[in-house]
Amino acid sequence: MGRTPVDVRRAELIAAALRVVSARGLGAASIRAIVAEAGMSLASFHYAFDSRDELLDTLIADVHAKEERAVLPAQLSGRGLAELLEDGLLGYFEHLRGDPQYEQAMLELTQFALRTRPRMAQEQYAEYARIAVASLELAAMHTGCRWTMPVPAVAKMLVAFTDGLTLGWLVDRDDEAARQMIRAIAQSLAALAARSPGASVE
């Protein structure tokens, strides 16, 4: 039997780490626990990653990439600003509903980072802000609008709203309440934009 390609092994270890962190917390996510969850040996782990920290950094990057793909609306043309924002947030919400382990693990990682690696938490939220800025700029560009506040400030509001949405849904699993909140968030953010010539803000 041939050797498992390193990219496949890395993906399996990331998925195993996600399950361990989500179910048992980061304190339980030792290398031994992760390889046991993945059904691998310690040697297999060190073939794929140099350390647990490298694995966790890769896990965070993987989650961010999935989130960024989720928030991009499928249809841009013919949509108002509030509609585009709502579509993006609904895309994120469907990502959350589809695999809550990802966001539960990210919350755990953030708390760990705040206690032991503050820079990791800062980098994590800087990436959230980057995704939010890109989404806001894309929505404004496709609707001919402009933001009346600096985009990074609006992005911070969007990230804060999303944090509240995530934690609230993980606690109560109330889909309808989450969708109502998303609509309110989209309308509140759209109110921070101004009309450009020939464009309207919905």
N, C-alpha and C. Protein backbone atom coordinates (compact mmCIF):
# COMPACT_ATOMS: atom_id res chain seq x y z
N MET A 1 0.85 -1.20 0.00
CA MET A 1 0.00 0.00 0.00
C MET A 1 0.89 1.25 0.00
N GLY A 2 0.58 2.24 -0.84
CA GLY A 2 1.38 3.45 -0.92
C GLY A 2 1.20 4.35 0.28
N ARG A 3 2.16 5.25 0.44
CA ARG A 3 2.10 6.20 1.55
C ARG A 3 1.02 7.24 1.27
N THR A 4 0.26 7.61 2.33
CA THR A 4 -0.79 8.62 2.19
C THR A 4 -0.15 9.96 1.87
N PRO A 5 -0.61 10.66 0.83
CA PRO A 5 -0.04 11.98 0.50
C PRO A 5 -0.13 12.93 1.69
N VAL A 6 0.87 13.80 1.83
CA VAL A 6 0.93 14.67 3.00
C VAL A 6 -0.26 15.61 3.07
N ASP A 7 -0.76 16.08 1.92
CA ASP A 7 -1.89 17.01 1.96
C ASP A 7 -3.16 16.30 2.47
N VAL A 8 -3.32 15.02 2.13
CA VAL A 8 -4.46 14.25 2.64
C VAL A 8 -4.31 14.05 4.14
N ARG A 9 -3.09 13.71 4.57
CA ARG A 9 -2.84 13.50 5.99
C ARG A 9 -3.08 14.78 6.79
N ARG A 10 -2.65 15.91 6.24
CA ARG A 10 -2.86 17.19 6.92
C ARG A 10 -4.36 17.48 7.06
N ALA A 11 -5.11 17.24 5.98
CA ALA A 11 -6.55 17.49 6.02
C ALA A 11 -7.23 16.61 7.06
N GLU A 12 -6.82 15.36 7.17
CA GLU A 12 -7.41 14.45 8.14
C GLU A 12 -7.08 14.87 9.57
N LEU A 13 -5.86 15.34 9.79
CA LEU A 13 -5.47 15.81 11.12
C LEU A 13 -6.19 17.10 11.50
N ILE A 14 -6.38 18.00 10.53
CA ILE A 14 -7.13 19.23 10.79
C ILE A 14 -8.56 18.89 11.18
N ALA A 15 -9.19 17.97 10.45
CA ALA A 15 -10.56 17.58 10.77
C ALA A 15 -10.63 16.93 12.15
N ALA A 16 -9.64 16.11 12.48
CA ALA A 16 -9.61 15.47 13.80
C ALA A 16 -9.42 16.50 14.90
N ALA A 17 -8.52 17.46 14.68
CA ALA A 17 -8.30 18.51 15.68
C ALA A 17 -9.57 19.32 15.89
N LEU A 18 -10.28 19.60 14.81
CA LEU A 18 -11.53 20.34 14.91
C LEU A 18 -12.53 19.59 15.79
N ARG A 19 -12.65 18.29 15.58
CA ARG A 19 -13.60 17.50 16.37
C ARG A 19 -13.21 17.47 17.84
N VAL A 20 -11.93 17.33 18.12
CA VAL A 20 -11.48 17.27 19.51
C VAL A 20 -11.69 18.61 20.21
N VAL A 21 -11.27 19.70 19.56
CA VAL A 21 -11.41 21.03 20.16
C VAL A 21 -12.88 21.36 20.40
N SER A 22 -13.72 21.08 19.41
CA SER A 22 -15.14 21.40 19.52
C SER A 22 -15.82 20.59 20.61
N ALA A 23 -15.50 19.31 20.72
CA ALA A 23 -16.19 18.43 21.65
C ALA A 23 -15.62 18.49 23.07
N ARG A 24 -14.29 18.64 23.18
CA ARG A 24 -13.66 18.51 24.50
C ARG A 24 -12.86 19.71 24.94
N GLY A 25 -12.71 20.72 24.06
CA GLY A 25 -11.96 21.91 24.42
C GLY A 25 -10.51 21.81 24.03
N LEU A 26 -9.86 22.94 23.96
CA LEU A 26 -8.47 22.98 23.50
C LEU A 26 -7.54 22.28 24.47
N GLY A 27 -7.85 22.34 25.77
CA GLY A 27 -7.00 21.69 26.75
C GLY A 27 -6.87 20.20 26.51
N ALA A 28 -7.89 19.59 25.91
CA ALA A 28 -7.86 18.15 25.64
C ALA A 28 -7.23 17.83 24.29
N ALA A 29 -6.93 18.87 23.51
CA ALA A 29 -6.46 18.65 22.14
C ALA A 29 -4.94 18.50 22.10
N SER A 30 -4.43 17.49 22.79
CA SER A 30 -3.01 17.18 22.70
C SER A 30 -2.73 16.49 21.36
N ILE A 31 -1.46 16.42 21.00
CA ILE A 31 -1.12 15.73 19.75
C ILE A 31 -1.58 14.28 19.82
N ARG A 32 -1.41 13.65 20.99
CA ARG A 32 -1.83 12.25 21.13
C ARG A 32 -3.34 12.10 20.93
N ALA A 33 -4.12 13.04 21.49
CA ALA A 33 -5.57 12.97 21.33
C ALA A 33 -5.98 13.18 19.88
N ILE A 34 -5.29 14.08 19.20
CA ILE A 34 -5.62 14.38 17.80
C ILE A 34 -5.30 13.18 16.91
N VAL A 35 -4.13 12.57 17.10
CA VAL A 35 -3.79 11.43 16.24
C VAL A 35 -4.69 10.23 16.55
N ALA A 36 -5.08 10.09 17.81
CA ALA A 36 -6.01 9.01 18.15
C ALA A 36 -7.34 9.22 17.45
N GLU A 37 -7.83 10.46 17.45
CA GLU A 37 -9.08 10.78 16.77
C GLU A 37 -8.98 10.53 15.27
N ALA A 38 -7.79 10.81 14.71
CA ALA A 38 -7.58 10.63 13.27
C ALA A 38 -7.24 9.19 12.91
N GLY A 39 -6.98 8.35 13.92
CA GLY A 39 -6.58 6.97 13.64
C GLY A 39 -5.20 6.88 13.03
N MET A 40 -4.29 7.77 13.48
CA MET A 40 -2.93 7.81 12.95
C MET A 40 -1.92 7.59 14.08
N SER A 41 -0.68 7.51 13.71
CA SER A 41 0.42 7.40 14.67
C SER A 41 1.04 8.76 14.91
N LEU A 42 1.83 8.87 15.98
CA LEU A 42 2.55 10.12 16.23
C LEU A 42 3.51 10.44 15.09
N ALA A 43 4.10 9.42 14.52
CA ALA A 43 5.01 9.64 13.39
C ALA A 43 4.28 10.28 12.21
N SER A 44 3.04 9.85 12.01
CA SER A 44 2.24 10.43 10.92
C SER A 44 2.00 11.91 11.16
N PHE A 45 1.74 12.27 12.43
CA PHE A 45 1.53 13.68 12.75
C PHE A 45 2.77 14.49 12.40
N HIS A 46 3.93 14.04 12.84
CA HIS A 46 5.16 14.82 12.64
C HIS A 46 5.63 14.80 11.19
N TYR A 47 5.08 13.88 10.40
CA TYR A 47 5.32 13.90 8.96
C TYR A 47 4.55 15.05 8.32
N ALA A 48 3.39 15.38 8.90
CA ALA A 48 2.51 16.41 8.32
C ALA A 48 2.71 17.79 8.94
N PHE A 49 2.97 17.85 10.23
CA PHE A 49 3.10 19.13 10.94
C PHE A 49 4.32 19.10 11.87
N ASP A 50 4.92 20.26 12.06
CA ASP A 50 6.07 20.35 12.97
C ASP A 50 5.63 20.41 14.43
N SER A 51 4.43 20.95 14.68
CA SER A 51 3.99 21.14 16.06
C SER A 51 2.47 21.27 16.10
N ARG A 52 1.92 21.21 17.31
CA ARG A 52 0.49 21.44 17.48
C ARG A 52 0.14 22.87 17.09
N ASP A 53 1.01 23.83 17.43
CA ASP A 53 0.72 25.22 17.08
C ASP A 53 0.59 25.40 15.57
N GLU A 54 1.44 24.72 14.80
CA GLU A 54 1.33 24.82 13.34
C GLU A 54 -0.01 24.25 12.88
N LEU A 55 -0.42 23.13 13.47
CA LEU A 55 -1.71 22.55 13.12
C LEU A 55 -2.85 23.51 13.44
N LEU A 56 -2.81 24.15 14.62
CA LEU A 56 -3.88 25.08 15.00
C LEU A 56 -3.91 26.29 14.08
N ASP A 57 -2.74 26.80 13.71
CA ASP A 57 -2.68 27.93 12.78
C ASP A 57 -3.30 27.54 11.44
N THR A 58 -3.03 26.32 10.99
CA THR A 58 -3.59 25.84 9.72
C THR A 58 -5.10 25.66 9.83
N LEU A 59 -5.55 25.17 10.97
CA LEU A 59 -6.99 25.03 11.21
C LEU A 59 -7.69 26.38 11.13
N ILE A 60 -7.11 27.39 11.76
CA ILE A 60 -7.71 28.73 11.74
C ILE A 60 -7.77 29.26 10.30
N ALA A 61 -6.67 29.09 9.56
CA ALA A 61 -6.65 29.56 8.17
C ALA A 61 -7.70 28.83 7.34
N ASP A 62 -7.89 27.54 7.59
CA ASP A 62 -8.88 26.74 6.87
C ASP A 62 -10.30 27.26 7.14
N VAL A 63 -10.58 27.57 8.40
CA VAL A 63 -11.91 28.10 8.76
C VAL A 63 -12.13 29.45 8.10
N HIS A 64 -11.12 30.32 8.14
CA HIS A 64 -11.25 31.64 7.52
C HIS A 64 -11.55 31.51 6.02
N ALA A 65 -10.86 30.60 5.35
CA ALA A 65 -11.09 30.42 3.91
C ALA A 65 -12.52 29.97 3.63
N LYS A 66 -13.03 29.05 4.45
CA LYS A 66 -14.42 28.60 4.28
C LYS A 66 -15.40 29.73 4.54
N GLU A 67 -15.13 30.53 5.57
CA GLU A 67 -16.02 31.66 5.88
C GLU A 67 -16.04 32.67 4.74
N GLU A 68 -14.86 32.96 4.18
CA GLU A 68 -14.80 33.95 3.11
C GLU A 68 -15.58 33.48 1.89
N ARG A 69 -15.47 32.21 1.55
CA ARG A 69 -16.25 31.69 0.42
C ARG A 69 -17.75 31.74 0.72
N ALA A 70 -18.11 31.51 1.98
CA ALA A 70 -19.53 31.46 2.35
C ALA A 70 -20.21 32.81 2.24
N VAL A 71 -19.48 33.90 2.53
CA VAL A 71 -20.14 35.21 2.59
C VAL A 71 -20.26 35.89 1.23
N LEU A 72 -19.66 35.34 0.20
CA LEU A 72 -19.76 35.97 -1.12
C LEU A 72 -21.11 35.64 -1.75
N PRO A 73 -21.96 36.64 -1.99
CA PRO A 73 -23.28 36.37 -2.57
C PRO A 73 -23.15 35.74 -3.96
N ALA A 74 -24.07 34.82 -4.26
CA ALA A 74 -24.05 34.15 -5.57
C ALA A 74 -24.49 35.12 -6.67
N GLN A 75 -25.38 36.05 -6.35
CA GLN A 75 -25.92 36.99 -7.33
C GLN A 75 -25.65 38.41 -6.87
N LEU A 76 -24.89 39.16 -7.67
CA LEU A 76 -24.53 40.53 -7.30
C LEU A 76 -25.37 41.57 -8.04
N SER A 77 -25.61 41.34 -9.30
CA SER A 77 -26.29 42.37 -10.10
C SER A 77 -27.78 42.43 -9.75
N GLY A 78 -28.32 43.65 -9.83
CA GLY A 78 -29.74 43.84 -9.60
C GLY A 78 -30.16 43.74 -8.15
N ARG A 79 -29.24 43.84 -7.23
CA ARG A 79 -29.54 43.72 -5.81
C ARG A 79 -29.21 45.03 -5.12
N GLY A 80 -30.03 45.40 -4.12
CA GLY A 80 -29.74 46.57 -3.30
C GLY A 80 -28.68 46.25 -2.26
N LEU A 81 -28.17 47.28 -1.62
CA LEU A 81 -27.10 47.09 -0.65
C LEU A 81 -27.55 46.22 0.52
N ALA A 82 -28.71 46.52 1.08
CA ALA A 82 -29.19 45.71 2.20
C ALA A 82 -29.38 44.26 1.79
N GLU A 83 -29.84 44.03 0.57
CA GLU A 83 -30.04 42.66 0.09
C GLU A 83 -28.71 41.92 -0.02
N LEU A 84 -27.69 42.61 -0.56
CA LEU A 84 -26.38 41.96 -0.68
C LEU A 84 -25.79 41.65 0.68
N LEU A 85 -25.92 42.58 1.62
CA LEU A 85 -25.41 42.34 2.96
C LEU A 85 -26.15 41.18 3.62
N GLU A 86 -27.46 41.16 3.44
CA GLU A 86 -28.25 40.07 4.02
C GLU A 86 -27.87 38.73 3.38
N ASP A 87 -27.67 38.71 2.07
CA ASP A 87 -27.28 37.48 1.39
C ASP A 87 -25.94 36.96 1.92
N GLY A 88 -24.99 37.89 2.11
CA GLY A 88 -23.68 37.49 2.62
C GLY A 88 -23.77 36.92 4.02
N LEU A 89 -24.56 37.57 4.88
CA LEU A 89 -24.73 37.08 6.24
C LEU A 89 -25.48 35.75 6.27
N LEU A 90 -26.46 35.60 5.39
CA LEU A 90 -27.17 34.32 5.31
C LEU A 90 -26.23 33.20 4.83
N GLY A 91 -25.32 33.55 3.93
CA GLY A 91 -24.32 32.57 3.49
C GLY A 91 -23.46 32.12 4.65
N TYR A 92 -23.03 33.08 5.47
CA TYR A 92 -22.26 32.73 6.66
C TYR A 92 -23.09 31.86 7.60
N PHE A 93 -24.36 32.22 7.77
CA PHE A 93 -25.23 31.48 8.68
C PHE A 93 -25.41 30.04 8.21
N GLU A 94 -25.56 29.84 6.91
CA GLU A 94 -25.71 28.47 6.40
C GLU A 94 -24.42 27.69 6.63
N HIS A 95 -23.27 28.38 6.51
CA HIS A 95 -21.99 27.73 6.84
C HIS A 95 -21.97 27.33 8.31
N LEU A 96 -22.45 28.21 9.18
CA LEU A 96 -22.52 27.92 10.61
C LEU A 96 -23.44 26.74 10.89
N ARG A 97 -24.63 26.76 10.30
CA ARG A 97 -25.60 25.67 10.52
C ARG A 97 -25.08 24.35 9.97
N GLY A 98 -24.38 24.41 8.84
CA GLY A 98 -23.91 23.20 8.20
C GLY A 98 -22.83 22.48 8.98
N ASP A 99 -22.01 23.24 9.71
CA ASP A 99 -20.93 22.62 10.48
C ASP A 99 -20.61 23.49 11.69
N PRO A 100 -21.46 23.45 12.71
CA PRO A 100 -21.25 24.30 13.88
C PRO A 100 -19.94 24.04 14.60
N GLN A 101 -19.36 22.85 14.40
CA GLN A 101 -18.09 22.54 15.06
C GLN A 101 -17.01 23.55 14.71
N TYR A 102 -17.02 24.03 13.46
CA TYR A 102 -15.99 24.98 13.05
C TYR A 102 -16.02 26.22 13.93
N GLU A 103 -17.20 26.83 14.07
CA GLU A 103 -17.27 28.09 14.82
C GLU A 103 -17.12 27.85 16.32
N GLN A 104 -17.60 26.71 16.80
CA GLN A 104 -17.42 26.39 18.22
C GLN A 104 -15.93 26.25 18.53
N ALA A 105 -15.20 25.61 17.63
CA ALA A 105 -13.76 25.46 17.81
C ALA A 105 -13.07 26.82 17.75
N MET A 106 -13.53 27.70 16.86
CA MET A 106 -12.91 29.03 16.75
C MET A 106 -13.12 29.84 18.02
N LEU A 107 -14.28 29.73 18.62
CA LEU A 107 -14.52 30.41 19.90
C LEU A 107 -13.57 29.89 20.96
N GLU A 108 -13.38 28.60 20.99
CA GLU A 108 -12.47 27.98 21.94
C GLU A 108 -11.03 28.47 21.71
N LEU A 109 -10.64 28.52 20.44
CA LEU A 109 -9.29 28.97 20.10
C LEU A 109 -9.07 30.44 20.47
N THR A 110 -10.10 31.26 20.27
CA THR A 110 -9.98 32.67 20.63
C THR A 110 -9.77 32.83 22.13
N GLN A 111 -10.54 32.11 22.94
CA GLN A 111 -10.39 32.20 24.38
C GLN A 111 -9.01 31.72 24.82
N PHE A 112 -8.54 30.64 24.20
CA PHE A 112 -7.19 30.15 24.50
C PHE A 112 -6.15 31.20 24.15
N ALA A 113 -6.30 31.81 22.97
CA ALA A 113 -5.32 32.79 22.52
C ALA A 113 -5.30 34.02 23.43
N LEU A 114 -6.46 34.45 23.88
CA LEU A 114 -6.51 35.62 24.77
C LEU A 114 -5.75 35.36 26.07
N ARG A 115 -5.74 34.12 26.52
CA ARG A 115 -5.04 33.78 27.76
C ARG A 115 -3.56 33.56 27.56
N THR A 116 -3.18 32.98 26.43
CA THR A 116 -1.80 32.52 26.29
C THR A 116 -1.05 33.08 25.09
N ARG A 117 -1.76 33.46 24.03
CA ARG A 117 -1.11 33.96 22.81
C ARG A 117 -1.93 35.12 22.26
N PRO A 118 -1.90 36.28 22.94
CA PRO A 118 -2.75 37.41 22.50
C PRO A 118 -2.55 37.77 21.03
N ARG A 119 -1.33 37.63 20.54
CA ARG A 119 -1.09 37.99 19.13
C ARG A 119 -1.89 37.09 18.19
N MET A 120 -2.06 35.84 18.57
CA MET A 120 -2.85 34.91 17.75
C MET A 120 -4.29 35.40 17.67
N ALA A 121 -4.85 35.87 18.80
CA ALA A 121 -6.22 36.39 18.79
C ALA A 121 -6.32 37.64 17.94
N GLN A 122 -5.30 38.51 18.03
CA GLN A 122 -5.30 39.73 17.23
C GLN A 122 -5.26 39.39 15.74
N GLU A 123 -4.44 38.43 15.38
CA GLU A 123 -4.34 38.03 13.97
C GLU A 123 -5.64 37.40 13.49
N GLN A 124 -6.27 36.63 14.37
CA GLN A 124 -7.54 36.00 14.02
C GLN A 124 -8.59 37.07 13.70
N TYR A 125 -8.67 38.10 14.54
CA TYR A 125 -9.68 39.15 14.32
C TYR A 125 -9.27 40.10 13.20
N ALA A 126 -7.98 40.24 12.97
CA ALA A 126 -7.55 41.02 11.81
C ALA A 126 -8.01 40.35 10.52
N GLU A 127 -7.99 39.03 10.50
CA GLU A 127 -8.47 38.30 9.32
C GLU A 127 -9.98 38.44 9.17
N TYR A 128 -10.72 38.36 10.29
CA TYR A 128 -12.16 38.61 10.22
C TYR A 128 -12.43 40.00 9.64
N ALA A 129 -11.66 40.99 10.11
CA ALA A 129 -11.85 42.37 9.65
C ALA A 129 -11.55 42.48 8.16
N ARG A 130 -10.49 41.78 7.71
CA ARG A 130 -10.15 41.83 6.28
C ARG A 130 -11.29 41.27 5.43
N ILE A 131 -11.86 40.15 5.86
CA ILE A 131 -12.98 39.55 5.12
C ILE A 131 -14.18 40.51 5.12
N ALA A 132 -14.45 41.13 6.27
CA ALA A 132 -15.58 42.06 6.37
C ALA A 132 -15.37 43.28 5.47
N VAL A 133 -14.16 43.85 5.48
CA VAL A 133 -13.87 45.01 4.63
C VAL A 133 -14.07 44.64 3.16
N ALA A 134 -13.54 43.49 2.75
CA ALA A 134 -13.68 43.07 1.35
C ALA A 134 -15.15 42.91 0.98
N SER A 135 -15.95 42.34 1.88
CA SER A 135 -17.38 42.14 1.61
C SER A 135 -18.11 43.47 1.50
N LEU A 136 -17.81 44.40 2.41
CA LEU A 136 -18.47 45.70 2.41
C LEU A 136 -18.11 46.50 1.17
N GLU A 137 -16.85 46.46 0.78
CA GLU A 137 -16.41 47.20 -0.41
C GLU A 137 -17.03 46.61 -1.67
N LEU A 138 -17.13 45.28 -1.72
CA LEU A 138 -17.74 44.63 -2.87
C LEU A 138 -19.21 45.01 -2.98
N ALA A 139 -19.93 44.97 -1.85
CA ALA A 139 -21.35 45.31 -1.86
C ALA A 139 -21.57 46.75 -2.29
N ALA A 140 -20.74 47.67 -1.78
CA ALA A 140 -20.88 49.08 -2.14
C ALA A 140 -20.59 49.30 -3.62
N MET A 141 -19.54 48.65 -4.10
CA MET A 141 -19.16 48.83 -5.51
C MET A 141 -20.28 48.36 -6.44
N HIS A 142 -20.90 47.24 -6.12
CA HIS A 142 -21.92 46.68 -7.03
C HIS A 142 -23.27 47.37 -6.90
N THR A 143 -23.43 48.23 -5.92
CA THR A 143 -24.69 48.96 -5.79
C THR A 143 -24.50 50.46 -5.99
N GLY A 144 -23.29 50.88 -6.31
CA GLY A 144 -23.04 52.30 -6.54
C GLY A 144 -23.17 53.14 -5.30
N CYS A 145 -22.88 52.56 -4.14
CA CYS A 145 -23.00 53.29 -2.87
C CYS A 145 -21.63 53.63 -2.32
N ARG A 146 -21.63 54.47 -1.31
CA ARG A 146 -20.40 54.77 -0.58
C ARG A 146 -20.72 54.75 0.90
N TRP A 147 -19.75 54.31 1.68
CA TRP A 147 -19.93 54.27 3.13
C TRP A 147 -19.66 55.64 3.73
N THR A 148 -20.50 56.06 4.65
CA THR A 148 -20.36 57.39 5.26
C THR A 148 -19.42 57.37 6.46
N MET A 149 -19.00 56.18 6.87
CA MET A 149 -17.99 56.00 7.91
C MET A 149 -16.80 55.28 7.28
N PRO A 150 -15.62 55.37 7.88
CA PRO A 150 -14.50 54.58 7.36
C PRO A 150 -14.87 53.10 7.31
N VAL A 151 -14.54 52.45 6.20
CA VAL A 151 -14.94 51.06 6.02
C VAL A 151 -14.42 50.16 7.15
N PRO A 152 -13.18 50.35 7.65
CA PRO A 152 -12.73 49.49 8.76
C PRO A 152 -13.64 49.61 10.00
N ALA A 153 -14.21 50.80 10.24
CA ALA A 153 -15.11 50.96 11.39
C ALA A 153 -16.41 50.20 11.15
N VAL A 154 -16.93 50.26 9.93
CA VAL A 154 -18.15 49.50 9.60
C VAL A 154 -17.86 48.00 9.69
N ALA A 155 -16.66 47.61 9.26
CA ALA A 155 -16.28 46.20 9.32
C ALA A 155 -16.24 45.70 10.76
N LYS A 156 -15.76 46.55 11.67
CA LYS A 156 -15.74 46.14 13.09
C LYS A 156 -17.15 45.90 13.60
N MET A 157 -18.07 46.74 13.17
CA MET A 157 -19.47 46.54 13.57
C MET A 157 -19.99 45.21 13.01
N LEU A 158 -19.67 44.94 11.75
CA LEU A 158 -20.13 43.69 11.12
C LEU A 158 -19.57 42.47 11.85
N VAL A 159 -18.29 42.53 12.21
CA VAL A 159 -17.68 41.41 12.94
C VAL A 159 -18.34 41.24 14.30
N ALA A 160 -18.61 42.35 14.99
CA ALA A 160 -19.27 42.28 16.30
C ALA A 160 -20.67 41.69 16.18
N PHE A 161 -21.41 42.13 15.16
CA PHE A 161 -22.74 41.56 14.92
C PHE A 161 -22.65 40.05 14.67
N THR A 162 -21.68 39.65 13.87
CA THR A 162 -21.53 38.24 13.52
C THR A 162 -21.15 37.41 14.74
N ASP A 163 -20.29 37.97 15.59
CA ASP A 163 -19.95 37.28 16.84
C ASP A 163 -21.20 37.00 17.68
N GLY A 164 -22.04 38.03 17.82
CA GLY A 164 -23.26 37.86 18.60
C GLY A 164 -24.21 36.85 17.97
N LEU A 165 -24.33 36.91 16.66
CA LEU A 165 -25.17 35.95 15.94
C LEU A 165 -24.67 34.53 16.17
N THR A 166 -23.36 34.34 16.05
CA THR A 166 -22.77 33.01 16.18
C THR A 166 -23.01 32.43 17.57
N LEU A 167 -22.65 33.19 18.59
CA LEU A 167 -22.78 32.69 19.96
C LEU A 167 -24.25 32.45 20.31
N GLY A 168 -25.13 33.38 19.91
CA GLY A 168 -26.55 33.22 20.21
C GLY A 168 -27.12 31.96 19.57
N TRP A 169 -26.76 31.71 18.30
CA TRP A 169 -27.30 30.54 17.63
C TRP A 169 -26.72 29.25 18.20
N LEU A 170 -25.43 29.24 18.54
CA LEU A 170 -24.84 28.05 19.13
C LEU A 170 -25.52 27.68 20.45
N VAL A 171 -26.04 28.69 21.16
CA VAL A 171 -26.71 28.44 22.43
C VAL A 171 -28.14 27.96 22.21
N ASP A 172 -28.92 28.69 21.37
CA ASP A 172 -30.36 28.37 21.29
C ASP A 172 -30.78 27.62 20.02
N ARG A 173 -29.95 27.60 18.98
CA ARG A 173 -30.24 26.93 17.71
C ARG A 173 -31.58 27.38 17.12
N ASP A 174 -31.91 28.65 17.32
CA ASP A 174 -33.17 29.21 16.82
C ASP A 174 -32.92 29.83 15.44
N ASP A 175 -33.21 29.07 14.39
CA ASP A 175 -32.92 29.52 13.03
C ASP A 175 -33.71 30.77 12.66
N GLU A 176 -34.98 30.81 13.01
CA GLU A 176 -35.82 31.94 12.63
C GLU A 176 -35.36 33.22 13.30
N ALA A 177 -35.03 33.15 14.59
CA ALA A 177 -34.54 34.33 15.30
C ALA A 177 -33.22 34.81 14.69
N ALA A 178 -32.37 33.87 14.27
CA ALA A 178 -31.10 34.24 13.65
C ALA A 178 -31.33 34.96 12.32
N ARG A 179 -32.28 34.46 11.53
CA ARG A 179 -32.55 35.10 10.23
C ARG A 179 -33.16 36.50 10.43
N GLN A 180 -33.98 36.66 11.44
CA GLN A 180 -34.52 37.99 11.74
C GLN A 180 -33.41 38.94 12.15
N MET A 181 -32.48 38.44 12.95
CA MET A 181 -31.34 39.26 13.36
C MET A 181 -30.49 39.65 12.16
N ILE A 182 -30.30 38.71 11.25
CA ILE A 182 -29.50 38.99 10.05
C ILE A 182 -30.14 40.10 9.23
N ARG A 183 -31.45 40.05 9.06
CA ARG A 183 -32.12 41.11 8.29
C ARG A 183 -31.96 42.46 8.98
N ALA A 184 -32.09 42.49 10.30
CA ALA A 184 -31.93 43.74 11.05
C ALA A 184 -30.50 44.27 10.93
N ILE A 185 -29.52 43.37 11.01
CA ILE A 185 -28.12 43.76 10.88
C ILE A 185 -27.87 44.37 9.50
N ALA A 186 -28.35 43.69 8.46
CA ALA A 186 -28.14 44.17 7.10
C ALA A 186 -28.75 45.55 6.90
N GLN A 187 -29.95 45.76 7.41
CA GLN A 187 -30.61 47.06 7.26
C GLN A 187 -29.89 48.14 8.07
N SER A 188 -29.41 47.78 9.25
CA SER A 188 -28.68 48.75 10.07
C SER A 188 -27.38 49.18 9.41
N LEU A 189 -26.68 48.22 8.83
CA LEU A 189 -25.42 48.56 8.15
C LEU A 189 -25.68 49.35 6.88
N ALA A 190 -26.71 48.97 6.14
CA ALA A 190 -27.02 49.68 4.90
C ALA A 190 -27.37 51.14 5.17
N ALA A 191 -27.91 51.43 6.35
CA ALA A 191 -28.24 52.80 6.72
C ALA A 191 -27.00 53.67 6.88
N LEU A 192 -25.83 53.04 6.97
CA LEU A 192 -24.58 53.79 7.09
C LEU A 192 -23.98 54.13 5.73
N ALA A 193 -24.69 53.80 4.66
CA ALA A 193 -24.22 54.12 3.31
C ALA A 193 -25.05 55.25 2.73
N ALA A 194 -24.46 55.96 1.80
CA ALA A 194 -25.13 57.07 1.13
C ALA A 194 -25.28 56.77 -0.34
N ARG A 195 -26.28 57.40 -0.94
CA ARG A 195 -26.50 57.23 -2.37
C ARG A 195 -25.35 57.84 -3.16
N SER A 196 -24.99 57.15 -4.22
CA SER A 196 -24.11 57.73 -5.22
C SER A 196 -24.99 58.09 -6.40
N PRO A 197 -24.55 58.98 -7.27
CA PRO A 197 -25.38 59.38 -8.41
C PRO A 197 -25.87 58.17 -9.19
N GLY A 198 -27.17 58.09 -9.37
CA GLY A 198 -27.76 57.03 -10.17
C GLY A 198 -27.97 55.73 -9.43
N ALA A 199 -27.67 55.71 -8.10
CA ALA A 199 -27.83 54.47 -7.36
C ALA A 199 -28.79 54.67 -6.20
N SER A 200 -29.37 53.59 -5.71
CA SER A 200 -30.25 53.68 -4.56
C SER A 200 -29.79 52.71 -3.49
N VAL A 201 -30.09 53.04 -2.24
CA VAL A 201 -29.76 52.17 -1.12
C VAL A 201 -31.06 51.60 -0.58
N GLU A 202 -31.17 50.28 -0.54
CA GLU A 202 -32.38 49.63 -0.07
C GLU A 202 -32.22 49.20 1.37
